[in-house]
PDB file of N, CA and C in Angstrom:
ATOM      1  N   MET A   1      -2.441 -65.556   9.089  1.00  0.00           N
ATOM      2  CA  MET A   1      -2.702 -64.191   8.609  1.00  0.00           C
ATOM      3  C   MET A   1      -1.803 -63.404   9.505  1.00  0.00           C
ATOM      4  N   GLY A   2      -0.805 -62.642   8.753  1.00  0.00           N
ATOM      5  CA  GLY A   2      -0.430 -61.584   9.468  1.00  0.00           C
ATOM      6  C   GLY A   2      -0.942 -60.161   9.351  1.00  0.00           C
ATOM      7  N   ALA A   3      -0.468 -59.140  10.083  1.00  0.00           N
ATOM      8  CA  ALA A   3      -1.149 -57.874   9.841  1.00  0.00           C
ATOM      9  C   ALA A   3      -0.294 -57.347   8.450  1.00  0.00           C
ATOM     10  N   PRO A   4      -1.226 -56.269   7.951  1.00  0.00           N
ATOM     11  CA  PRO A   4      -0.595 -55.944   6.829  1.00  0.00           C
ATOM     12  C   PRO A   4       0.619 -55.006   7.190  1.00  0.00           C
ATOM     13  N   ASP A   5       1.186 -54.652   6.227  1.00  0.00           N
ATOM     14  CA  ASP A   5       2.532 -53.722   6.313  1.00  0.00           C
ATOM     15  C   ASP A   5       2.218 -52.638   5.922  1.00  0.00           C
ATOM     16  N   ILE A   6       2.231 -51.722   7.017  1.00  0.00           N
ATOM     17  CA  ILE A   6       1.724 -50.286   6.611  1.00  0.00           C
ATOM     18  C   ILE A   6       3.082 -49.287   6.607  1.00  0.00           C
ATOM     19  N   SER A   7       4.393 -49.880   6.706  1.00  0.00           N
ATOM     20  CA  SER A   7       5.457 -49.103   6.781  1.00  0.00           C
ATOM     21  C   SER A   7       5.939 -48.382   5.567  1.00  0.00           C
ATOM     22  N   ARG A   8       5.277 -48.910   4.406  1.00  0.00           N
ATOM     23  CA  ARG A   8       5.577 -48.537   2.986  1.00  0.00           C
ATOM     24  C   ARG A   8       4.681 -47.981   2.456  1.00  0.00           C
ATOM     25  N   PRO A   9       4.874 -46.611   1.532  1.00  0.00           N
ATOM     26  CA  PRO A   9       3.865 -46.005   0.961  1.00  0.00           C
ATOM     27  C   PRO A   9       3.380 -47.081  -0.219  1.00  0.00           C
ATOM     28  N   SER A  10       2.114 -46.913  -0.703  1.00  0.00           N
ATOM     29  CA  SER A  10       1.785 -47.710  -1.375  1.00  0.00           C
ATOM     30  C   SER A  10       2.104 -47.357  -2.982  1.00  0.00           C
ATOM     31  N   GLN A  11       2.703 -46.042  -3.303  1.00  0.00           N
ATOM     32  CA  GLN A  11       2.644 -45.897  -4.669  1.00  0.00           C
ATOM     33  C   GLN A  11       4.282 -45.148  -5.276  1.00  0.00           C
ATOM     34  N   GLY A  12       5.059 -46.100  -4.669  1.00  0.00           N
ATOM     35  CA  GLY A  12       6.424 -45.435  -4.612  1.00  0.00           C
ATOM     36  C   GLY A  12       6.826 -44.256  -4.135  1.00  0.00           C
ATOM     37  N   GLY A  13       6.261 -44.010  -2.823  1.00  0.00           N
ATOM     38  CA  GLY A  13       6.912 -42.530  -1.911  1.00  0.00           C
ATOM     39  C   GLY A  13       6.018 -41.287  -2.531  1.00  0.00           C
ATOM     40  N   ARG A  14       5.057 -41.538  -3.185  1.00  0.00           N
ATOM     41  CA  ARG A  14       4.250 -40.273  -3.582  1.00  0.00           C
ATOM     42  C   ARG A  14       3.089 -40.103  -2.542  1.00  0.00           C
ATOM     43  N   LEU A  15       2.860 -38.943  -2.135  1.00  0.00           N
ATOM     44  CA  LEU A  15       1.699 -38.510  -1.127  1.00  0.00           C
ATOM     45  C   LEU A  15       0.684 -38.128  -2.104  1.00  0.00           C
ATOM     46  N   ARG A  16      -0.676 -38.690  -1.793  1.00  0.00           N
ATOM     47  CA  ARG A  16      -1.756 -38.414  -2.711  1.00  0.00           C
ATOM     48  C   ARG A  16      -2.816 -37.771  -1.732  1.00  0.00           C
ATOM     49  N   LEU A  17      -3.331 -36.502  -2.209  1.00  0.00           N
ATOM     50  CA  LEU A  17      -4.430 -36.194  -1.444  1.00  0.00           C
ATOM     51  C   LEU A  17      -5.578 -36.398  -1.733  1.00  0.00           C
ATOM     52  N   THR A  18      -6.662 -36.435  -0.901  1.00  0.00           N
ATOM     53  CA  THR A  18      -8.048 -36.568  -1.185  1.00  0.00           C
ATOM     54  C   THR A  18      -8.594 -35.305  -1.851  1.00  0.00           C
ATOM     55  N   ARG A  19      -9.870 -35.288  -2.309  1.00  0.00           N
ATOM     56  CA  ARG A  19     -10.449 -34.063  -2.694  1.00  0.00           C
ATOM     57  C   ARG A  19     -10.508 -32.914  -1.686  1.00  0.00           C
ATOM     58  N   ARG A  20     -11.093 -33.526  -0.515  1.00  0.00           N
ATOM     59  CA  ARG A  20     -11.125 -32.864   0.628  1.00  0.00           C
ATOM     60  C   ARG A  20      -9.704 -32.366   1.328  1.00  0.00           C
ATOM     61  N   GLY A  21      -8.820 -33.107   1.044  1.00  0.00           N
ATOM     62  CA  GLY A  21      -7.335 -32.417   1.332  1.00  0.00           C
ATOM     63  C   GLY A  21      -7.073 -31.460   0.429  1.00  0.00           C
ATOM     64  N   ARG A  22      -6.856 -31.492  -0.749  1.00  0.00           N
ATOM     65  CA  ARG A  22      -7.195 -30.462  -1.505  1.00  0.00           C
ATOM     66  C   ARG A  22      -7.828 -29.010  -1.287  1.00  0.00           C
ATOM     67  N   VAL A  23      -8.997 -29.296  -1.237  1.00  0.00           N
ATOM     68  CA  VAL A  23     -10.096 -28.026  -0.758  1.00  0.00           C
ATOM     69  C   VAL A  23      -9.350 -27.495   0.476  1.00  0.00           C
ATOM     70  N   VAL A  24      -9.160 -28.219   1.564  1.00  0.00           N
ATOM     71  CA  VAL A  24      -8.262 -27.551   2.637  1.00  0.00           C
ATOM     72  C   VAL A  24      -7.100 -26.937   2.583  1.00  0.00           C
ATOM     73  N   LEU A  25      -6.219 -27.322   1.842  1.00  0.00           N
ATOM     74  CA  LEU A  25      -5.192 -26.706   1.211  1.00  0.00           C
ATOM     75  C   LEU A  25      -4.984 -25.747   0.517  1.00  0.00           C
ATOM     76  N   VAL A  26      -6.128 -25.505  -0.438  1.00  0.00           N
ATOM     77  CA  VAL A  26      -6.434 -24.341  -1.106  1.00  0.00           C
ATOM     78  C   VAL A  26      -6.940 -23.144  -0.205  1.00  0.00           C
ATOM     79  N   GLY A  27      -7.889 -23.663   0.767  1.00  0.00           N
ATOM     80  CA  GLY A  27      -8.438 -22.769   1.510  1.00  0.00           C
ATOM     81  C   GLY A  27      -7.279 -21.946   2.654  1.00  0.00           C
ATOM     82  N   LEU A  28      -6.486 -23.046   3.115  1.00  0.00           N
ATOM     83  CA  LEU A  28      -5.450 -22.334   3.996  1.00  0.00           C
ATOM     84  C   LEU A  28      -4.773 -21.133   3.141  1.00  0.00           C
ATOM     85  N   PHE A  29      -4.491 -21.719   1.844  1.00  0.00           N
ATOM     86  CA  PHE A  29      -3.558 -20.851   1.061  1.00  0.00           C
ATOM     87  C   PHE A  29      -4.222 -19.515   0.773  1.00  0.00           C
ATOM     88  N   LEU A  30      -5.275 -19.734   0.553  1.00  0.00           N
ATOM     89  CA  LEU A  30      -6.633 -18.271   0.500  1.00  0.00           C
ATOM     90  C   LEU A  30      -6.343 -17.423   1.522  1.00  0.00           C
ATOM     91  N   ILE A  31      -6.530 -17.972   2.618  1.00  0.00           N
ATOM     92  CA  ILE A  31      -6.487 -17.378   4.407  1.00  0.00           C
ATOM     93  C   ILE A  31      -5.336 -16.755   4.242  1.00  0.00           C
ATOM     94  N   LEU A  32      -4.209 -17.377   4.130  1.00  0.00           N
ATOM     95  CA  LEU A  32      -2.830 -16.976   4.342  1.00  0.00           C
ATOM     96  C   LEU A  32      -2.345 -15.619   3.333  1.00  0.00           C
ATOM     97  N   ALA A  33      -3.058 -15.805   1.836  1.00  0.00           N
ATOM     98  CA  ALA A  33      -2.842 -14.505   1.012  1.00  0.00           C
ATOM     99  C   ALA A  33      -3.344 -13.411   1.340  1.00  0.00           C
ATOM    100  N   ALA A  34      -5.140 -13.788   1.789  1.00  0.00           N
ATOM    101  CA  ALA A  34      -5.678 -12.413   2.242  1.00  0.00           C
ATOM    102  C   ALA A  34      -4.992 -11.905   3.624  1.00  0.00           C
ATOM    103  N   GLY A  35      -4.596 -12.682   4.505  1.00  0.00           N
ATOM    104  CA  GLY A  35      -4.009 -12.087   5.502  1.00  0.00           C
ATOM    105  C   GLY A  35      -2.503 -11.030   5.228  1.00  0.00           C
ATOM    106  N   LEU A  36      -1.944 -11.894   4.099  1.00  0.00           N
ATOM    107  CA  LEU A  36      -0.787 -11.046   3.811  1.00  0.00           C
ATOM    108  C   LEU A  36      -1.113  -9.785   3.071  1.00  0.00           C
ATOM    109  N   ALA A  37      -2.274  -9.834   2.417  1.00  0.00           N
ATOM    110  CA  ALA A  37      -2.603  -8.754   1.621  1.00  0.00           C
ATOM    111  C   ALA A  37      -3.215  -7.515   2.530  1.00  0.00           C
ATOM    112  N   VAL A  38      -3.801  -7.907   3.691  1.00  0.00           N
ATOM    113  CA  VAL A  38      -4.204  -6.648   4.585  1.00  0.00           C
ATOM    114  C   VAL A  38      -2.961  -6.539   5.503  1.00  0.00           C
ATOM    115  N   ALA A  39      -2.208  -7.087   5.721  1.00  0.00           N
ATOM    116  CA  ALA A  39      -0.524  -6.869   6.349  1.00  0.00           C
ATOM    117  C   ALA A  39       0.057  -5.834   5.639  1.00  0.00           C
ATOM    118  N   LEU A  40       0.142  -5.954   4.054  1.00  0.00           N
ATOM    119  CA  LEU A  40       0.826  -5.119   3.437  1.00  0.00           C
ATOM    120  C   LEU A  40       0.087  -4.054   2.691  1.00  0.00           C
ATOM    121  N   ALA A  41      -1.015  -3.882   2.830  1.00  0.00           N
ATOM    122  CA  ALA A  41      -2.118  -2.938   2.247  1.00  0.00           C
ATOM    123  C   ALA A  41      -1.817  -1.160   3.032  1.00  0.00           C
ATOM    124  N   PRO A  42      -1.391  -0.421   1.904  1.00  0.00           N
ATOM    125  CA  PRO A  42      -1.344   0.990   2.815  1.00  0.00           C
ATOM    126  C   PRO A  42      -2.264   1.369   3.637  1.00  0.00           C
ATOM    127  N   SER A  43      -2.022   2.461   5.031  1.00  0.00           N
ATOM    128  CA  SER A  43      -2.954   2.933   5.568  1.00  0.00           C
ATOM    129  C   SER A  43      -4.179   3.611   4.892  1.00  0.00           C
ATOM    130  N   SER A  44      -5.288   3.424   5.386  1.00  0.00           N
ATOM    131  CA  SER A  44      -6.226   4.340   4.792  1.00  0.00           C
ATOM    132  C   SER A  44      -6.071   5.895   4.890  1.00  0.00           C
ATOM    133  N   ARG A  45      -6.552   6.773   4.143  1.00  0.00           N
ATOM    134  CA  ARG A  45      -6.352   8.061   4.315  1.00  0.00           C
ATOM    135  C   ARG A  45      -7.844   8.432   4.894  1.00  0.00           C
ATOM    136  N   ALA A  46      -8.770   7.528   5.246  1.00  0.00           N
ATOM    137  CA  ALA A  46     -10.194   8.182   6.180  1.00  0.00           C
ATOM    138  C   ALA A  46      -9.723   8.909   7.118  1.00  0.00           C
ATOM    139  N   SER A  47      -8.743   8.949   7.887  1.00  0.00           N
ATOM    140  CA  SER A  47      -8.501   9.680   8.922  1.00  0.00           C
ATOM    141  C   SER A  47      -8.238  11.140   8.989  1.00  0.00           C
ATOM    142  N   ASP A  48      -8.085  11.402   7.650  1.00  0.00           N
ATOM    143  CA  ASP A  48      -7.768  12.950   7.257  1.00  0.00           C
ATOM    144  C   ASP A  48      -9.292  13.793   7.964  1.00  0.00           C
ATOM    145  N   PRO A  49      -8.779  14.992   8.687  1.00  0.00           N
ATOM    146  CA  PRO A  49      -9.861  15.489   9.043  1.00  0.00           C
ATOM    147  C   PRO A  49     -10.846  16.008   8.143  1.00  0.00           C
ATOM    148  N   PRO A  50     -11.941  16.383   8.430  1.00  0.00           N
ATOM    149  CA  PRO A  50     -12.666  17.171   7.539  1.00  0.00           C
ATOM    150  C   PRO A  50     -12.399  18.501   7.171  1.00  0.00           C
ATOM    151  N   GLY A  51     -12.919  18.907   6.128  1.00  0.00           N
ATOM    152  CA  GLY A  51     -12.755  20.351   5.937  1.00  0.00           C
ATOM    153  C   GLY A  51     -11.879  20.659   4.735  1.00  0.00           C
ATOM    154  N   PRO A  52     -12.072  21.770   4.156  1.00  0.00           N
ATOM    155  CA  PRO A  52     -10.895  22.152   3.157  1.00  0.00           C
ATOM    156  C   PRO A  52      -9.594  21.825   3.461  1.00  0.00           C
ATOM    157  N   ALA A  53      -8.900  21.287   2.340  1.00  0.00           N
ATOM    158  CA  ALA A  53      -7.410  21.167   2.870  1.00  0.00           C
ATOM    159  C   ALA A  53      -6.844  22.585   2.510  1.00  0.00           C
ATOM    160  N   PRO A  54      -5.722  22.804   3.351  1.00  0.00           N
ATOM    161  CA  PRO A  54      -4.842  23.937   3.002  1.00  0.00           C
ATOM    162  C   PRO A  54      -4.318  24.235   1.771  1.00  0.00           C
ATOM    163  N   THR A  55      -4.282  25.272   1.140  1.00  0.00           N
ATOM    164  CA  THR A  55      -3.712  25.338   0.122  1.00  0.00           C
ATOM    165  C   THR A  55      -2.427  26.304  -0.185  1.00  0.00           C
ATOM    166  N   ALA A  56      -1.953  26.408  -1.373  1.00  0.00           N
ATOM    167  CA  ALA A  56      -0.712  27.292  -1.602  1.00  0.00           C
ATOM    168  C   ALA A  56      -0.937  27.477  -2.863  1.00  0.00           C
ATOM    169  N   VAL A  57      -0.487  28.993  -3.253  1.00  0.00           N
ATOM    170  CA  VAL A  57      -0.399  29.420  -4.938  1.00  0.00           C
ATOM    171  C   VAL A  57       0.972  29.576  -5.226  1.00  0.00           C
ATOM    172  N   VAL A  58       1.235  28.668  -6.238  1.00  0.00           N
ATOM    173  CA  VAL A  58       2.674  28.491  -6.461  1.00  0.00           C
ATOM    174  C   VAL A  58       2.915  30.087  -7.464  1.00  0.00           C
ATOM    175  N   LEU A  59       4.273  30.473  -6.784  1.00  0.00           N
ATOM    176  CA  LEU A  59       4.933  31.737  -7.201  1.00  0.00           C
ATOM    177  C   LEU A  59       6.031  31.473  -8.512  1.00  0.00           C
ATOM    178  N   PRO A  60       6.178  32.564  -9.167  1.00  0.00           N
ATOM    179  CA  PRO A  60       6.995  32.344 -10.140  1.00  0.00           C
ATOM    180  C   PRO A  60       8.366  31.632  -9.552  1.00  0.00           C
ATOM    181  N   GLY A  61       9.195  30.520 -10.570  1.00  0.00           N
ATOM    182  CA  GLY A  61      10.367  30.028 -10.202  1.00  0.00           C
ATOM    183  C   GLY A  61      10.143  29.219  -9.177  1.00  0.00           C
ATOM    184  N   ASP A  62       8.915  28.661  -8.745  1.00  0.00           N
ATOM    185  CA  ASP A  62       8.612  27.576  -7.486  1.00  0.00           C
ATOM    186  C   ASP A  62       8.857  26.388  -7.986  1.00  0.00           C
ATOM    187  N   THR A  63       9.223  25.445  -7.268  1.00  0.00           N
ATOM    188  CA  THR A  63       9.414  23.989  -7.677  1.00  0.00           C
ATOM    189  C   THR A  63       8.808  23.404  -6.408  1.00  0.00           C
ATOM    190  N   LEU A  64       8.213  21.984  -6.628  1.00  0.00           N
ATOM    191  CA  LEU A  64       7.347  21.388  -5.543  1.00  0.00           C
ATOM    192  C   LEU A  64       8.359  21.327  -4.251  1.00  0.00           C
ATOM    193  N   TRP A  65       9.738  21.408  -4.501  1.00  0.00           N
ATOM    194  CA  TRP A  65      10.575  21.390  -3.325  1.00  0.00           C
ATOM    195  C   TRP A  65      10.669  22.538  -2.388  1.00  0.00           C
ATOM    196  N   SER A  66      10.585  23.580  -3.195  1.00  0.00           N
ATOM    197  CA  SER A  66      10.652  25.077  -2.452  1.00  0.00           C
ATOM    198  C   SER A  66       9.259  25.213  -1.824  1.00  0.00           C
ATOM    199  N   VAL A  67       8.183  24.694  -2.376  1.00  0.00           N
ATOM    200  CA  VAL A  67       6.721  24.823  -1.656  1.00  0.00           C
ATOM    201  C   VAL A  67       6.781  23.928  -0.548  1.00  0.00           C
ATOM    202  N   ALA A  68       7.223  22.725  -0.849  1.00  0.00           N
ATOM    203  CA  ALA A  68       7.359  21.697   0.582  1.00  0.00           C
ATOM    204  C   ALA A  68       8.103  22.359   1.559  1.00  0.00           C
ATOM    205  N   GLU A  69       9.375  23.108   1.314  1.00  0.00           N
ATOM    206  CA  GLU A  69      10.103  23.676   2.281  1.00  0.00           C
ATOM    207  C   GLU A  69       9.423  25.020   3.017  1.00  0.00           C
ATOM    208  N   ARG A  70       8.662  25.802   1.969  1.00  0.00           N
ATOM    209  CA  ARG A  70       8.152  26.834   2.648  1.00  0.00           C
ATOM    210  C   ARG A  70       7.000  26.652   3.448  1.00  0.00           C
ATOM    211  N   HIS A  71       6.127  25.711   3.044  1.00  0.00           N
ATOM    212  CA  HIS A  71       5.054  25.547   3.722  1.00  0.00           C
ATOM    213  C   HIS A  71       4.794  24.389   5.065  1.00  0.00           C
ATOM    214  N   ARG A  72       5.783  23.612   4.773  1.00  0.00           N
ATOM    215  CA  ARG A  72       5.830  22.458   5.846  1.00  0.00           C
ATOM    216  C   ARG A  72       7.423  22.122   6.199  1.00  0.00           C
ATOM    217  N   PRO A  73       8.155  23.098   6.494  1.00  0.00           N
ATOM    218  CA  PRO A  73       9.574  23.049   6.856  1.00  0.00           C
ATOM    219  C   PRO A  73      10.065  21.923   8.062  1.00  0.00           C
ATOM    220  N   SER A  74       9.088  21.598   8.769  1.00  0.00           N
ATOM    221  CA  SER A  74       9.330  20.725   9.756  1.00  0.00           C
ATOM    222  C   SER A  74       9.406  19.231   9.524  1.00  0.00           C
ATOM    223  N   ARG A  75       8.599  19.026   8.152  1.00  0.00           N
ATOM    224  CA  ARG A  75       8.522  17.770   7.780  1.00  0.00           C
ATOM    225  C   ARG A  75       9.844  17.367   6.456  1.00  0.00           C
ATOM    226  N   GLN A  76       9.643  16.189   6.042  1.00  0.00           N
ATOM    227  CA  GLN A  76      10.509  15.791   5.259  1.00  0.00           C
ATOM    228  C   GLN A  76      10.204  16.488   3.938  1.00  0.00           C
ATOM    229  N   PRO A  77      11.050  16.932   2.887  1.00  0.00           N
ATOM    230  CA  PRO A  77      10.445  17.535   1.953  1.00  0.00           C
ATOM    231  C   PRO A  77       9.990  16.252   0.808  1.00  0.00           C
ATOM    232  N   PHE A  78      10.949  15.153   0.739  1.00  0.00           N
ATOM    233  CA  PHE A  78      10.358  14.147  -0.290  1.00  0.00           C
ATOM    234  C   PHE A  78       8.930  13.590  -0.008  1.00  0.00           C
ATOM    235  N   ARG A  79       8.700  13.622   1.371  1.00  0.00           N
ATOM    236  CA  ARG A  79       7.107  13.004   1.830  1.00  0.00           C
ATOM    237  C   ARG A  79       6.195  14.020   1.699  1.00  0.00           C
ATOM    238  N   VAL A  80       6.440  15.337   1.892  1.00  0.00           N
ATOM    239  CA  VAL A  80       5.655  16.526   1.314  1.00  0.00           C
ATOM    240  C   VAL A  80       5.204  16.340   0.135  1.00  0.00           C
ATOM    241  N   ILE A  81       6.323  16.289  -0.579  1.00  0.00           N
ATOM    242  CA  ILE A  81       6.171  16.394  -2.312  1.00  0.00           C
ATOM    243  C   ILE A  81       5.311  15.056  -2.785  1.00  0.00           C
ATOM    244  N   ALA A  82       5.711  14.076  -2.296  1.00  0.00           N
ATOM    245  CA  ALA A  82       4.827  12.903  -2.341  1.00  0.00           C
ATOM    246  C   ALA A  82       3.296  13.344  -2.172  1.00  0.00           C
ATOM    247  N   GLU A  83       2.848  13.730  -0.858  1.00  0.00           N
ATOM    248  CA  GLU A  83       1.578  13.983  -0.595  1.00  0.00           C
ATOM    249  C   GLU A  83       0.727  14.968  -1.394  1.00  0.00           C
ATOM    250  N   ILE A  84       1.611  16.127  -1.808  1.00  0.00           N
ATOM    251  CA  ILE A  84       1.170  17.136  -2.650  1.00  0.00           C
ATOM    252  C   ILE A  84       0.750  16.618  -3.879  1.00  0.00           C
ATOM    253  N   ARG A  85       1.746  15.728  -4.797  1.00  0.00           N
ATOM    254  CA  ARG A  85       1.404  15.275  -5.835  1.00  0.00           C
ATOM    255  C   ARG A  85       0.059  14.244  -5.834  1.00  0.00           C
ATOM    256  N   ARG A  86       0.212  13.433  -4.625  1.00  0.00           N
ATOM    257  CA  ARG A  86      -1.324  12.770  -4.493  1.00  0.00           C
ATOM    258  C   ARG A  86      -2.515  13.551  -4.359  1.00  0.00           C
ATOM    259  N   LEU A  87      -2.381  14.633  -3.495  1.00  0.00           N
ATOM    260  CA  LEU A  87      -3.633  15.532  -3.215  1.00  0.00           C
ATOM    261  C   LEU A  87      -3.890  16.112  -4.387  1.00  0.00           C
ATOM    262  N   ASN A  88      -3.200  16.642  -5.425  1.00  0.00           N
ATOM    263  CA  ASN A  88      -3.227  17.320  -6.548  1.00  0.00           C
ATOM    264  C   ASN A  88      -3.345  16.395  -7.631  1.00  0.00           C
ATOM    265  N   GLY A  89      -3.243  15.265  -7.794  1.00  0.00           N
ATOM    266  CA  GLY A  89      -3.389  14.239  -8.924  1.00  0.00           C
ATOM    267  C   GLY A  89      -2.279  14.379  -9.892  1.00  0.00           C
ATOM    268  N   LEU A  90      -1.052  14.877  -9.616  1.00  0.00           N
ATOM    269  CA  LEU A  90      -0.298  15.399 -10.481  1.00  0.00           C
ATOM    270  C   LEU A  90       0.783  13.904 -10.686  1.00  0.00           C
ATOM    271  N   ASP A  91       1.019  13.917 -12.010  1.00  0.00           N
ATOM    272  CA  ASP A  91       1.681  12.533 -12.579  1.00  0.00           C
ATOM    273  C   ASP A  91       2.891  12.876 -12.349  1.00  0.00           C
ATOM    274  N   ASP A  92       3.476  14.193 -12.521  1.00  0.00           N
ATOM    275  CA  ASP A  92       5.057  14.438 -12.733  1.00  0.00           C
ATOM    276  C   ASP A  92       5.076  15.651 -11.897  1.00  0.00           C
ATOM    277  N   TYR A  93       6.443  16.221 -11.625  1.00  0.00           N
ATOM    278  CA  TYR A  93       6.733  17.063 -10.839  1.00  0.00           C
ATOM    279  C   TYR A  93       6.745  18.598 -11.452  1.00  0.00           C
ATOM    280  N   THR A  94       5.874  18.751 -12.607  1.00  0.00           N
ATOM    281  CA  THR A  94       5.766  20.271 -13.103  1.00  0.00           C
ATOM    282  C   THR A  94       4.708  20.946 -12.473  1.00  0.00           C
ATOM    283  N   ILE A  95       4.637  21.976 -12.121  1.00  0.00           N
ATOM    284  CA  ILE A  95       3.786  23.065 -11.773  1.00  0.00           C
ATOM    285  C   ILE A  95       3.932  24.168 -12.167  1.00  0.00           C
ATOM    286  N   HIS A  96       3.073  25.151 -12.328  1.00  0.00           N
ATOM    287  CA  HIS A  96       3.247  26.579 -13.038  1.00  0.00           C
ATOM    288  C   HIS A  96       2.326  27.482 -12.042  1.00  0.00           C
ATOM    289  N   ALA A  97       3.373  28.795 -12.340  1.00  0.00           N
ATOM    290  CA  ALA A  97       2.948  30.094 -11.539  1.00  0.00           C
ATOM    291  C   ALA A  97       1.501  30.159 -11.513  1.00  0.00           C
ATOM    292  N   GLY A  98       0.968  30.422 -10.229  1.00  0.00           N
ATOM    293  CA  GLY A  98      -0.496  30.601 -10.417  1.00  0.00           C
ATOM    294  C   GLY A  98      -1.264  29.693  -9.838  1.00  0.00           C
ATOM    295  N   GLN A  99      -0.562  28.372 -10.140  1.00  0.00           N
ATOM    296  CA  GLN A  99      -1.513  27.391  -9.800  1.00  0.00           C
ATOM    297  C   GLN A  99      -1.852  27.069  -8.342  1.00  0.00           C
ATOM    298  N   ARG A 100      -2.804  26.719  -7.930  1.00  0.00           N
ATOM    299  CA  ARG A 100      -3.313  26.507  -6.626  1.00  0.00           C
ATOM    300  C   ARG A 100      -3.143  25.074  -6.093  1.00  0.00           C
ATOM    301  N   LEU A 101      -2.117  24.722  -5.138  1.00  0.00           N
ATOM    302  CA  LEU A 101      -1.966  23.368  -4.996  1.00  0.00           C
ATOM    303  C   LEU A 101      -2.437  22.916  -3.510  1.00  0.00           C
ATOM    304  N   LYS A 102      -3.334  21.925  -3.258  1.00  0.00           N
ATOM    305  CA  LYS A 102      -3.739  21.294  -2.110  1.00  0.00           C
ATOM    306  C   LYS A 102      -2.368  20.878  -1.490  1.00  0.00           C
ATOM    307  N   LEU A 103      -2.387  21.264   0.021  1.00  0.00           N
ATOM    308  CA  LEU A 103      -1.113  20.821   0.835  1.00  0.00           C
ATOM    309  C   LEU A 103      -1.868  19.848   1.924  1.00  0.00           C
ATOM    310  N   PRO A 104      -0.840  18.991   2.368  1.00  0.00           N
ATOM    311  CA  PRO A 104      -1.114  17.988   3.295  1.00  0.00           C
ATOM    312  C   PRO A 104      -1.268  18.721   4.753  1.00  0.00           C
ATOM    313  N   ARG A 105      -2.022  18.493   5.581  1.00  0.00           N
ATOM    314  CA  ARG A 105      -2.453  18.894   6.813  1.00  0.00           C
ATOM    315  C   ARG A 105      -1.011  18.937   7.747  1.00  0.00           C
ATOM    316  N   GLU A 106      -1.104  20.024   8.434  1.00  0.00           N
ATOM    317  CA  GLU A 106       0.066  20.157   9.613  1.00  0.00           C
ATOM    318  C   GLU A 106      -0.211  18.839  10.624  1.00  0.00           C
ATOM    319  N   GLU A 107       1.113  18.082  11.055  1.00  0.00           N
ATOM    320  CA  GLU A 107       1.111  17.094  11.869  1.00  0.00           C
ATOM    321  C   GLU A 107       1.146  17.398  13.116  1.00  0.00           C
TER     322      GLU A 107
END
């Protein structure tokens, strides 16, 4: 009696996973996906200081760009505009004279 030949796969080179192996692979995939989601998630706004947000009243002829430049001149206007839109729930870039806008806090 010779030793069994273990050098050849039993089914034409296909790798078969047991049920436990599949559970382990799915678990590893879910852990990897969760880690990736946490790493790519935007940072929380929980660090905003308490208290009322600073505001500005829109003047006739104002645009979001002019409001951003007038009230936060040291910051990039595109970022200030995005933050003004987020704080005020604006879907577009339209603002009206007399409208009161919440402004991002000074950094």
